[in-house]
Amino acid sequence: MARWNDQWQPMFDGFSRLKAKWPTRGWSWDGRLACACSSFTAEVEHKALLATREALGSEWTSASISGAPQPLRKLVERAGGVRTGQIVFSGGPLAGLLSYGLWWPWGDSETTSLRIGLADVDPAKEPYIKFREVFGVTL
C-alpha cells in the first residue's frame, strides 16, 4: 500500500472545504470512473461552481483541453470527451498527485453532476483511501 505523503495535505484540505461548502449533501461512488459524484439543480449551481473552483484551480473546456496534462486528457477521453458546456477542473499536480473534477450538465437545463477524483491512482490504496474518507464514499 502506498504511504501517505504530507505534501498532499493542501489538496485534501481543499477537498474538505469543497465538501463543507457543497450546496447538497449527497456524494456517491462512481465505479466506472473511480471517483466521487454529486448531482445538483440549477438553483444551487453558482454555489457548487464557486466551491469547485476553490478546490480545483485549473479549468479546461472543449476548446482548451488539448493543453491539459496528459493524465487528465487520458481520463477525459475515457469519460467520453468534453463537450460544449462541460468543464474539466484540475488541481496539482502536487507531489505527483493530480486531482480532477468533471462538470457535466445533463442537458435538461436543470441538473448537473460533478465527478471528482484522483487521476491514475488505485482506488483501493492511498491516497484514494483518504479521499474516500473525506467524501464519505465507499467502493
Protein backbone atom coordinates (compact mmCIF):
# COMPACT_ATOMS: atom_id res chain seq x y z
CA MET A 1 0.00 0.00 0.00
CA ALA A 2 1.28 3.47 -0.86
CA ARG A 3 2.32 5.65 2.05
CA TRP A 4 0.75 8.99 2.83
CA ASN A 5 2.75 11.96 1.55
CA ASP A 6 2.37 15.08 3.73
CA GLN A 7 2.80 17.23 0.61
CA TRP A 8 -0.71 16.10 -0.44
CA GLN A 9 -2.33 17.70 2.61
CA PRO A 10 -3.16 21.06 0.93
CA MET A 11 -5.09 19.19 -1.78
CA PHE A 12 -7.05 17.26 0.84
CA ASP A 13 -7.72 20.44 2.80
CA GLY A 14 -9.25 21.81 -0.42
CA PHE A 15 -11.42 18.69 -0.75
CA SER A 16 -12.62 19.15 2.82
CA ARG A 17 -13.52 22.79 2.15
CA LEU A 18 -15.34 21.81 -1.05
CA LYS A 19 -17.38 19.21 0.81
CA ALA A 20 -18.18 21.67 3.63
CA LYS A 21 -19.34 24.33 1.15
CA TRP A 22 -21.15 21.93 -1.17
CA PRO A 23 -24.79 23.04 -1.56
CA THR A 24 -26.16 19.48 -1.48
CA ARG A 25 -25.04 16.73 0.87
CA GLY A 26 -25.16 13.61 -1.27
CA TRP A 27 -21.91 12.12 -2.55
CA SER A 28 -21.74 8.64 -4.03
CA TRP A 29 -19.04 6.46 -5.60
CA ASP A 30 -18.89 6.26 -9.39
CA GLY A 31 -17.20 2.92 -10.04
CA ARG A 32 -16.90 3.49 -13.79
CA LEU A 33 -14.54 6.45 -13.36
CA ALA A 34 -13.39 5.64 -9.79
CA CYS A 35 -14.47 8.96 -8.31
CA ALA A 36 -16.98 10.67 -6.03
CA CYS A 37 -20.09 12.10 -7.66
CA SER A 38 -22.78 14.57 -6.66
CA SER A 39 -25.68 15.93 -8.69
CA PHE A 40 -27.40 19.24 -8.08
CA THR A 41 -30.04 21.50 -9.55
CA ALA A 42 -29.70 24.82 -11.36
CA GLU A 43 -30.80 26.74 -8.26
CA VAL A 44 -27.53 25.87 -6.44
CA GLU A 45 -25.24 25.73 -9.50
CA HIS A 46 -23.47 29.00 -8.68
CA LYS A 47 -22.55 27.83 -5.14
CA ALA A 48 -21.37 24.48 -6.50
CA LEU A 49 -19.25 26.18 -9.15
CA LEU A 50 -17.60 28.51 -6.62
CA ALA A 51 -16.77 25.59 -4.28
CA THR A 52 -15.35 23.57 -7.19
CA ARG A 53 -13.22 26.45 -8.44
CA GLU A 54 -11.81 27.00 -4.95
CA ALA A 55 -10.77 23.34 -4.61
CA LEU A 56 -9.57 22.76 -8.18
CA GLY A 57 -7.84 25.81 -9.58
CA SER A 58 -7.48 24.97 -13.29
CA GLU A 59 -10.35 24.84 -15.79
CA TRP A 60 -10.47 23.22 -19.21
CA THR A 61 -13.16 23.26 -21.90
CA SER A 62 -13.58 21.51 -25.23
CA ALA A 63 -11.56 24.35 -26.77
CA SER A 64 -8.66 24.18 -24.30
CA ILE A 65 -8.43 20.53 -23.16
CA SER A 66 -5.59 19.83 -25.60
CA GLY A 67 -3.37 21.93 -23.30
CA ALA A 68 -4.24 19.92 -20.18
CA PRO A 69 -1.78 17.49 -18.56
CA GLN A 70 -1.65 14.13 -20.36
CA PRO A 71 -3.11 12.07 -17.46
CA LEU A 72 -6.10 14.43 -17.40
CA ARG A 73 -6.61 14.21 -21.17
CA LYS A 74 -6.49 10.41 -20.93
CA LEU A 75 -9.10 10.41 -18.17
CA VAL A 76 -11.36 12.78 -20.13
CA GLU A 77 -11.11 10.51 -23.19
CA ARG A 78 -12.16 7.54 -21.02
CA ALA A 79 -15.13 9.59 -19.79
CA GLY A 80 -16.30 10.27 -23.36
CA GLY A 81 -14.53 13.56 -24.07
CA VAL A 82 -15.51 17.08 -23.14
CA ARG A 83 -18.41 18.68 -24.97
CA THR A 84 -19.67 22.24 -25.19
CA GLY A 85 -20.99 23.34 -21.79
CA GLN A 86 -18.89 20.82 -19.88
CA ILE A 87 -15.92 21.86 -17.77
CA VAL A 88 -12.94 19.81 -16.66
CA PHE A 89 -11.23 21.03 -13.50
CA SER A 90 -7.84 20.00 -12.20
CA GLY A 91 -5.68 20.59 -9.17
CA GLY A 92 -1.98 19.91 -8.81
CA PRO A 93 -0.01 18.04 -9.63
CA LEU A 94 1.12 18.07 -6.04
CA ALA A 95 3.90 15.59 -5.23
CA GLY A 96 2.84 13.60 -8.29
CA LEU A 97 -0.88 13.69 -7.43
CA LEU A 98 -3.35 15.22 -9.91
CA SER A 99 -6.96 15.80 -8.87
CA TYR A 100 -9.80 16.36 -11.30
CA GLY A 101 -13.42 17.39 -11.49
CA LEU A 102 -15.81 16.69 -14.35
CA TRP A 103 -18.65 19.23 -14.53
CA TRP A 104 -21.28 17.55 -16.69
CA PRO A 105 -24.65 19.29 -17.28
CA TRP A 106 -27.31 16.67 -18.03
CA GLY A 107 -28.91 18.51 -20.95
CA ASP A 108 -32.23 19.08 -19.18
CA SER A 109 -31.21 22.66 -18.22
CA GLU A 110 -31.89 21.67 -14.61
CA THR A 111 -29.35 19.11 -13.37
CA THR A 112 -25.54 18.96 -13.34
CA SER A 113 -23.16 16.36 -11.92
CA LEU A 114 -19.68 16.88 -10.56
CA ARG A 115 -17.40 13.89 -10.55
CA ILE A 116 -14.24 14.47 -8.55
CA GLY A 117 -11.28 12.17 -8.14
CA LEU A 118 -7.57 11.46 -8.39
CA ALA A 119 -6.00 10.65 -11.76
CA ASP A 120 -4.06 7.41 -12.17
CA VAL A 121 -4.48 6.26 -8.54
CA ASP A 122 -5.67 2.81 -7.43
CA PRO A 123 -8.99 3.46 -5.61
CA ALA A 124 -8.18 0.74 -3.06
CA LYS A 125 -4.89 2.36 -1.97
CA GLU A 126 -3.63 5.63 -0.55
CA PRO A 127 -4.19 8.43 -1.28
CA TYR A 128 -7.62 7.30 -2.53
CA ILE A 129 -8.44 5.79 0.87
CA LYS A 130 -8.12 9.25 2.45
CA PHE A 131 -10.03 10.81 -0.47
CA ARG A 132 -12.96 8.41 0.05
CA GLU A 133 -12.96 9.23 3.77
CA VAL A 134 -13.20 12.97 3.02
CA PHE A 135 -16.23 12.48 0.75
CA GLY A 136 -17.79 9.67 2.80
CA VAL A 137 -17.97 7.23 -0.12
CA THR A 138 -17.14 3.55 -0.35
CA LEU A 139 -16.11 1.33 -3.24
